[in-house]
């Protein structure tokens, strides 16, 4: 297969490129050259910005394209319009954030998506999910019957620069007293390597339609226990309650990764993945993802700024406050 990937050198794109090359596909990567420029020397690299350099793709044809970095409908529309007569199949990497109501559990792919009140906005920070839904619509309109839409949940594993999952193996490996949110909290993640292998399988089969990709679920307790198995220093877990975290205005998702308030977007960690598993998605054990993520993380520069997780001083202060708490106010441990 002659395959084009828009993106392809950072995280999901990197894993897709690795899988495609391992399977013997001819690969072209169209990217800005900002990350790992020396990666995949056996692939063709076209350096350009999809907002202003799409003409670099003219005069070429591919069997299929995987769009890993489409966020704004205008930009995605330009890409698919240019490529619709140059590729046979278009895969768009979307998100479970597209849904109108992310407080619902076990949502299926046909649930209503978010709709923008201002159709002209391109504010990805404020309207990420609704914009992704419009990107899907743009792809489908240009290539009906030839489009595959993948809606992942939280993608994790080696090279996860978001640090939302990486925080936990990294923090627990440092040892000491670790502040942890309620142990019964449910979590769904997908290892980037499992996602990439499955997506390439679907592309090879020219599969069309829309699929969730959130993986299997586990508890916060299972995650920290897995992380502790690879820690070189003893770690003591201090489990705090949701009322305490709310009282101290601890930020969900980013400041305290993988914690979502019980009345917030908990549906993101409880998607219905029946369709994906029926189509061949397989997921590796959590312990393998933790081990490999930590191994990658240990090779990062100590000076690299972490994008998620409690700062040490903030964690220490929260632990102090927890020890001096009023049990009646913050609930049982």
Protein backbone atom coordinates (compact mmCIF):
# COMPACT_ATOMS: atom_id res chain seq x y z
CA UNK A 1 0.00 0.00 0.00
CA UNK A 2 1.15 3.53 -0.80
CA UNK A 3 0.21 5.47 2.33
CA UNK A 4 0.22 9.18 3.20
CA UNK A 5 0.16 10.36 6.82
CA UNK A 6 -0.56 13.99 7.67
CA UNK A 7 1.65 14.34 10.72
CA UNK A 8 3.62 11.27 11.71
CA UNK A 9 6.66 12.09 13.83
CA UNK A 10 5.44 12.85 17.35
CA UNK A 11 2.99 10.48 19.07
CA UNK A 12 0.08 8.73 17.33
CA UNK A 13 1.49 9.64 13.94
CA UNK A 14 4.82 8.18 14.99
CA UNK A 15 3.21 4.90 16.06
CA UNK A 16 1.21 4.75 12.82
CA UNK A 17 4.38 5.32 10.79
CA UNK A 18 6.25 2.61 12.69
CA UNK A 19 3.43 0.11 12.14
CA UNK A 20 3.02 0.95 8.46
CA UNK A 21 6.74 0.56 7.78
CA UNK A 22 6.93 -2.70 9.74
CA UNK A 23 4.20 -4.08 7.47
CA UNK A 24 6.07 -3.09 4.34
CA UNK A 25 3.92 -0.19 3.18
CA UNK A 26 5.42 2.66 1.15
CA UNK A 27 5.07 5.73 3.35
CA UNK A 28 4.98 9.48 2.81
CA UNK A 29 4.91 11.79 5.84
CA UNK A 30 3.66 15.35 5.41
CA UNK A 31 4.66 17.37 8.47
CA UNK A 32 6.17 20.66 9.62
CA UNK A 33 9.53 19.20 10.60
CA UNK A 34 9.21 20.38 14.20
CA UNK A 35 9.55 16.98 15.90
CA UNK A 36 12.01 14.12 15.36
CA UNK A 37 13.13 15.21 11.93
CA UNK A 38 15.53 12.26 11.75
CA UNK A 39 12.78 9.68 12.39
CA UNK A 40 11.89 7.15 9.68
CA UNK A 41 14.64 7.73 7.10
CA UNK A 42 13.08 4.94 5.00
CA UNK A 43 9.95 7.07 4.50
CA UNK A 44 9.52 10.04 2.19
CA UNK A 45 9.25 13.30 4.13
CA UNK A 46 7.46 16.33 2.70
CA UNK A 47 8.03 19.33 4.96
CA UNK A 48 5.17 21.77 4.89
CA UNK A 49 2.32 23.39 6.79
CA UNK A 50 -1.14 22.14 5.84
CA UNK A 51 -2.56 25.66 6.24
CA UNK A 52 -0.29 27.14 3.58
CA UNK A 53 1.67 24.35 1.89
CA UNK A 54 -0.84 21.80 0.63
CA UNK A 55 0.29 22.43 -2.94
CA UNK A 56 3.30 20.24 -2.13
CA UNK A 57 0.92 17.26 -2.35
CA UNK A 58 -0.34 18.10 -5.85
CA UNK A 59 0.54 15.80 -8.72
CA UNK A 60 0.77 12.75 -6.45
CA UNK A 61 -1.51 9.81 -5.66
CA UNK A 62 -1.74 7.45 -2.70
CA UNK A 63 -3.89 4.47 -1.85
CA UNK A 64 -4.93 5.98 1.47
CA UNK A 65 -4.30 8.92 3.79
CA UNK A 66 -4.44 9.10 7.59
CA UNK A 67 -5.10 12.58 8.96
CA UNK A 68 -3.70 12.72 12.51
CA UNK A 69 -3.64 16.48 13.01
CA UNK A 70 -6.92 17.99 11.82
CA UNK A 71 -8.55 20.35 14.31
CA UNK A 72 -10.12 23.18 12.30
CA UNK A 73 -12.84 22.39 9.72
CA UNK A 74 -11.57 24.95 7.22
CA UNK A 75 -8.11 23.37 7.21
CA UNK A 76 -9.42 19.80 7.05
CA UNK A 77 -11.80 20.76 4.24
CA UNK A 78 -8.88 22.14 2.21
CA UNK A 79 -6.92 18.92 2.76
CA UNK A 80 -9.71 16.55 1.80
CA UNK A 81 -10.74 18.62 -1.22
CA UNK A 82 -7.18 18.50 -2.53
CA UNK A 83 -6.78 14.78 -1.80
CA UNK A 84 -10.21 13.35 -2.67
CA UNK A 85 -9.17 12.56 -6.25
CA UNK A 86 -5.64 11.54 -5.21
CA UNK A 87 -6.42 8.95 -2.53
CA UNK A 88 -8.83 6.05 -2.39
CA UNK A 89 -9.51 6.12 1.35
CA UNK A 90 -9.38 8.84 4.02
CA UNK A 91 -8.95 8.11 7.76
CA UNK A 92 -9.65 11.01 10.09
CA UNK A 93 -8.45 10.82 13.69
CA UNK A 94 -11.21 12.49 15.68
CA UNK A 95 -11.99 12.27 19.42
CA UNK A 96 -14.61 11.09 21.89
CA UNK A 97 -14.85 14.79 22.79
CA UNK A 98 -17.22 15.25 19.83
CA UNK A 99 -20.28 14.29 21.87
CA UNK A 100 -22.92 16.72 23.04
CA UNK A 101 -23.21 15.13 26.50
CA UNK A 102 -20.03 13.68 27.99
CA UNK A 103 -21.65 13.07 31.37
CA UNK A 104 -23.46 10.04 29.90
CA UNK A 105 -21.94 6.58 30.32
CA UNK A 106 -21.51 3.91 27.64
CA UNK A 107 -22.25 6.22 24.71
CA UNK A 108 -22.33 4.60 21.27
CA UNK A 109 -21.08 6.09 18.02
CA UNK A 110 -24.54 7.30 16.96
CA UNK A 111 -25.01 9.62 19.96
CA UNK A 112 -25.60 13.34 19.20
CA UNK A 113 -22.46 15.40 18.68
CA UNK A 114 -21.81 18.92 19.95
CA UNK A 115 -23.01 21.81 17.79
CA UNK A 116 -21.37 25.23 17.70
CA UNK A 117 -23.54 28.27 18.33
CA UNK A 118 -20.99 30.31 16.36
CA UNK A 119 -20.10 28.37 13.22
CA UNK A 120 -17.28 30.80 12.41
CA UNK A 121 -15.20 30.12 15.49
CA UNK A 122 -11.86 28.33 15.23
CA UNK A 123 -11.08 28.43 18.95
CA UNK A 124 -9.82 24.87 19.43
CA UNK A 125 -9.18 25.35 23.15
CA UNK A 126 -12.80 26.26 23.86
CA UNK A 127 -14.56 24.16 21.22
CA UNK A 128 -12.25 21.21 20.56
CA UNK A 129 -14.97 18.55 20.41
CA UNK A 130 -17.48 20.48 18.32
CA UNK A 131 -14.75 21.47 15.84
CA UNK A 132 -13.65 17.84 15.54
CA UNK A 133 -17.26 16.89 14.76
CA UNK A 134 -17.32 19.48 11.97
CA UNK A 135 -14.01 18.15 10.65
CA UNK A 136 -15.58 14.68 10.41
CA UNK A 137 -18.51 16.19 8.54
CA UNK A 138 -16.15 17.91 6.06
CA UNK A 139 -14.34 14.64 5.33
CA UNK A 140 -17.56 12.70 4.89
CA UNK A 141 -19.04 15.33 2.57
CA UNK A 142 -16.01 15.24 0.26
CA UNK A 143 -15.47 11.46 0.30
CA UNK A 144 -18.78 9.72 1.05
CA UNK A 145 -18.37 5.98 1.37
CA UNK A 146 -14.57 6.27 1.48
CA UNK A 147 -14.02 7.76 4.95
CA UNK A 148 -13.08 6.18 8.29
CA UNK A 149 -13.52 8.22 11.47
CA UNK A 150 -11.66 7.09 14.59
CA UNK A 151 -12.74 8.61 17.91
CA UNK A 152 -10.07 7.77 20.50
CA UNK A 153 -10.31 8.47 24.17
CA UNK A 154 -7.11 9.23 26.06
CA UNK A 155 -4.16 7.88 24.07
CA UNK A 156 -1.20 6.84 26.25
CA UNK A 157 2.13 5.06 26.10
CA UNK A 158 5.71 5.85 25.06
CA UNK A 159 6.17 9.37 23.58
CA UNK A 160 3.02 10.66 25.30
CA UNK A 161 4.03 14.30 25.59
CA UNK A 162 0.72 15.30 27.27
CA UNK A 163 1.89 13.73 30.59
CA UNK A 164 -1.70 13.01 31.63
CA UNK A 165 -0.98 9.29 32.00
CA UNK A 166 2.81 9.55 32.18
CA UNK A 167 2.55 11.58 35.40
CA UNK A 168 1.59 8.52 37.41
CA UNK A 169 4.46 6.11 36.59
CA UNK A 170 6.85 9.10 36.74
CA UNK A 171 5.59 10.38 40.10
CA UNK A 172 5.31 6.97 41.76
CA UNK A 173 8.82 6.02 40.60
CA UNK A 174 10.12 9.00 42.61
CA UNK A 175 8.77 7.37 45.78
CA UNK A 176 7.64 9.00 49.00
CA UNK A 177 4.10 9.98 49.91
CA UNK A 178 1.90 10.26 46.82
CA UNK A 179 -1.46 12.02 46.79
CA UNK A 180 -3.96 9.93 44.85
CA UNK A 181 -7.64 10.58 43.98
CA UNK A 182 -10.39 8.11 44.97
CA UNK A 183 -9.23 4.55 44.30
CA UNK A 184 -12.55 3.41 42.83
CA UNK A 185 -12.43 5.95 40.01
CA UNK A 186 -12.85 4.26 36.61
CA UNK A 187 -10.42 5.03 33.77
CA UNK A 188 -10.30 4.14 30.07
CA UNK A 189 -7.15 4.63 28.01
CA UNK A 190 -5.79 3.22 24.76
CA UNK A 191 -2.12 2.35 24.27
CA UNK A 192 -0.89 4.24 21.22
CA UNK A 193 0.69 1.09 19.77
CA UNK A 194 -2.57 -0.86 19.99
CA UNK A 195 -4.45 2.03 18.41
CA UNK A 196 -1.93 2.32 15.57
CA UNK A 197 -1.94 -1.40 14.79
CA UNK A 198 -5.73 -1.48 14.67
CA UNK A 199 -6.02 1.67 12.52
CA UNK A 200 -3.54 0.31 9.97
CA UNK A 201 -5.56 -2.94 9.90
CA UNK A 202 -8.73 -0.98 9.12
CA UNK A 203 -7.00 1.09 6.46
CA UNK A 204 -5.66 -2.07 4.79
CA UNK A 205 -9.25 -3.37 4.64
CA UNK A 206 -10.61 -0.01 3.38
CA UNK A 207 -13.00 0.02 6.34
CA UNK A 208 -15.43 2.95 6.50
CA UNK A 209 -17.63 4.33 9.25
CA UNK A 210 -17.12 5.65 12.76
CA UNK A 211 -15.46 3.82 15.65
CA UNK A 212 -14.63 4.57 19.26
CA UNK A 213 -11.15 3.64 20.47
CA UNK A 214 -10.97 3.99 24.24
CA UNK A 215 -9.61 0.59 25.21
CA UNK A 216 -10.42 -1.45 28.29
CA UNK A 217 -11.20 0.12 31.66
CA UNK A 218 -9.55 -0.17 35.08
CA UNK A 219 -9.58 1.62 38.42
CA UNK A 220 -7.22 4.25 39.82
CA UNK A 221 -6.16 1.68 42.40
CA UNK A 222 -5.17 -0.78 39.66
CA UNK A 223 -3.17 1.93 37.91
CA UNK A 224 -1.11 2.98 40.92
CA UNK A 225 -0.52 -0.65 41.90
CA UNK A 226 0.84 -1.29 38.40
CA UNK A 227 3.06 1.79 38.64
CA UNK A 228 4.39 0.71 42.04
CA UNK A 229 5.68 -2.55 40.56
CA UNK A 230 8.28 -0.62 38.56
CA UNK A 231 9.25 1.96 41.16
CA UNK A 232 12.82 1.76 42.44
CA UNK A 233 11.83 3.69 45.58
CA UNK A 234 9.09 2.88 48.10
CA UNK A 235 5.90 4.86 47.57
CA UNK A 236 3.15 5.46 50.12
CA UNK A 237 -0.27 6.21 48.67
CA UNK A 238 -2.51 8.71 50.42
CA UNK A 239 -6.01 8.37 49.00
CA UNK A 240 -8.00 11.58 49.28
CA UNK A 241 -11.70 12.16 48.66
CA UNK A 242 -13.49 14.10 45.97
CA UNK A 243 -14.98 16.60 48.47
CA UNK A 244 -11.44 17.39 49.68
CA UNK A 245 -10.15 17.88 46.14
CA UNK A 246 -13.08 20.16 45.33
CA UNK A 247 -12.60 22.16 48.54
CA UNK A 248 -8.94 22.72 47.67
CA UNK A 249 -9.84 23.61 44.08
CA UNK A 250 -7.61 20.93 42.61
CA UNK A 251 -7.91 20.95 38.85
CA UNK A 252 -9.25 17.79 37.27
CA UNK A 253 -7.71 16.18 34.16
CA UNK A 254 -4.53 18.29 33.99
CA UNK A 255 -3.45 19.32 37.50
CA UNK A 256 -4.42 15.93 38.90
CA UNK A 257 -4.30 13.69 35.82
CA UNK A 258 -6.94 11.01 35.20
CA UNK A 259 -9.21 12.43 37.91
CA UNK A 260 -12.62 13.64 36.73
CA UNK A 261 -15.24 15.01 39.09
CA UNK A 262 -18.23 12.70 39.43
CA UNK A 263 -20.59 15.29 37.92
CA UNK A 264 -18.34 16.27 35.03
CA UNK A 265 -17.11 14.60 31.83
CA UNK A 266 -16.92 11.07 33.25
CA UNK A 267 -18.37 9.65 30.05
CA UNK A 268 -14.92 10.12 28.50
CA UNK A 269 -13.76 7.19 30.65
CA UNK A 270 -16.81 5.02 29.96
CA UNK A 271 -17.28 4.83 26.20
CA UNK A 272 -18.88 1.84 24.51
CA UNK A 273 -16.07 0.14 22.55
CA UNK A 274 -18.10 -2.86 21.37
CA UNK A 275 -17.82 -1.90 17.72
CA UNK A 276 -14.05 -1.42 17.88
CA UNK A 277 -13.40 -4.74 19.58
CA UNK A 278 -15.70 -6.51 17.12
CA UNK A 279 -13.64 -5.04 14.26
CA UNK A 280 -10.37 -6.42 15.61
CA UNK A 281 -9.09 -3.96 18.22
CA UNK A 282 -6.94 -5.70 20.83
CA UNK A 283 -5.36 -4.08 23.88
CA UNK A 284 -2.28 -5.06 25.83
CA UNK A 285 -2.24 -5.44 29.64
CA UNK A 286 -2.06 -2.20 31.64
CA UNK A 287 1.18 -3.37 33.25
CA UNK A 288 2.91 -3.40 29.84
CA UNK A 289 1.83 0.15 29.06
CA UNK A 290 3.03 1.37 32.46
CA UNK A 291 6.41 -0.37 32.11
CA UNK A 292 7.09 0.93 28.62
CA UNK A 293 5.88 4.45 29.38
CA UNK A 294 8.18 4.66 32.38
CA UNK A 295 11.13 3.33 30.38
CA UNK A 296 10.59 6.07 27.77
CA UNK A 297 10.02 8.71 30.44
CA UNK A 298 13.33 7.93 32.14
CA UNK A 299 15.16 8.97 28.97
CA UNK A 300 13.59 12.44 28.91
CA UNK A 301 15.65 15.48 29.82
CA UNK A 302 15.35 16.43 33.51
CA UNK A 303 14.86 20.02 32.35
CA UNK A 304 11.83 19.19 30.21
CA UNK A 305 8.76 21.00 31.48
CA UNK A 306 5.96 18.61 32.44
CA UNK A 307 2.59 19.49 30.96
CA UNK A 308 0.38 17.86 33.58
CA UNK A 309 0.51 16.80 37.21
CA UNK A 310 0.78 18.30 40.66
CA UNK A 311 3.80 20.46 41.33
CA UNK A 312 5.80 19.04 44.29
CA UNK A 313 5.08 22.04 46.53
CA UNK A 314 1.36 21.88 45.72
CA UNK A 315 1.24 18.15 46.43
CA UNK A 316 3.08 18.62 49.75
CA UNK A 317 0.66 21.34 50.83
CA UNK A 318 -2.37 19.22 49.90
CA UNK A 319 -1.00 16.29 51.87
CA UNK A 320 -0.48 18.55 54.87
CA UNK A 321 -4.04 19.82 54.60
CA UNK A 322 -5.38 16.29 54.24
CA UNK A 323 -3.64 15.18 57.43
CA UNK A 324 -5.16 18.11 59.32
CA UNK A 325 -8.59 17.73 57.75
CA UNK A 326 -11.96 17.61 59.45
CA UNK A 327 -13.16 14.07 58.64
CA UNK A 328 -16.76 15.16 58.88
CA UNK A 329 -16.22 17.82 56.25
CA UNK A 330 -14.28 15.79 53.71
CA UNK A 331 -15.78 12.34 54.03
CA UNK A 332 -14.30 8.95 54.91
CA UNK A 333 -10.95 7.77 53.58
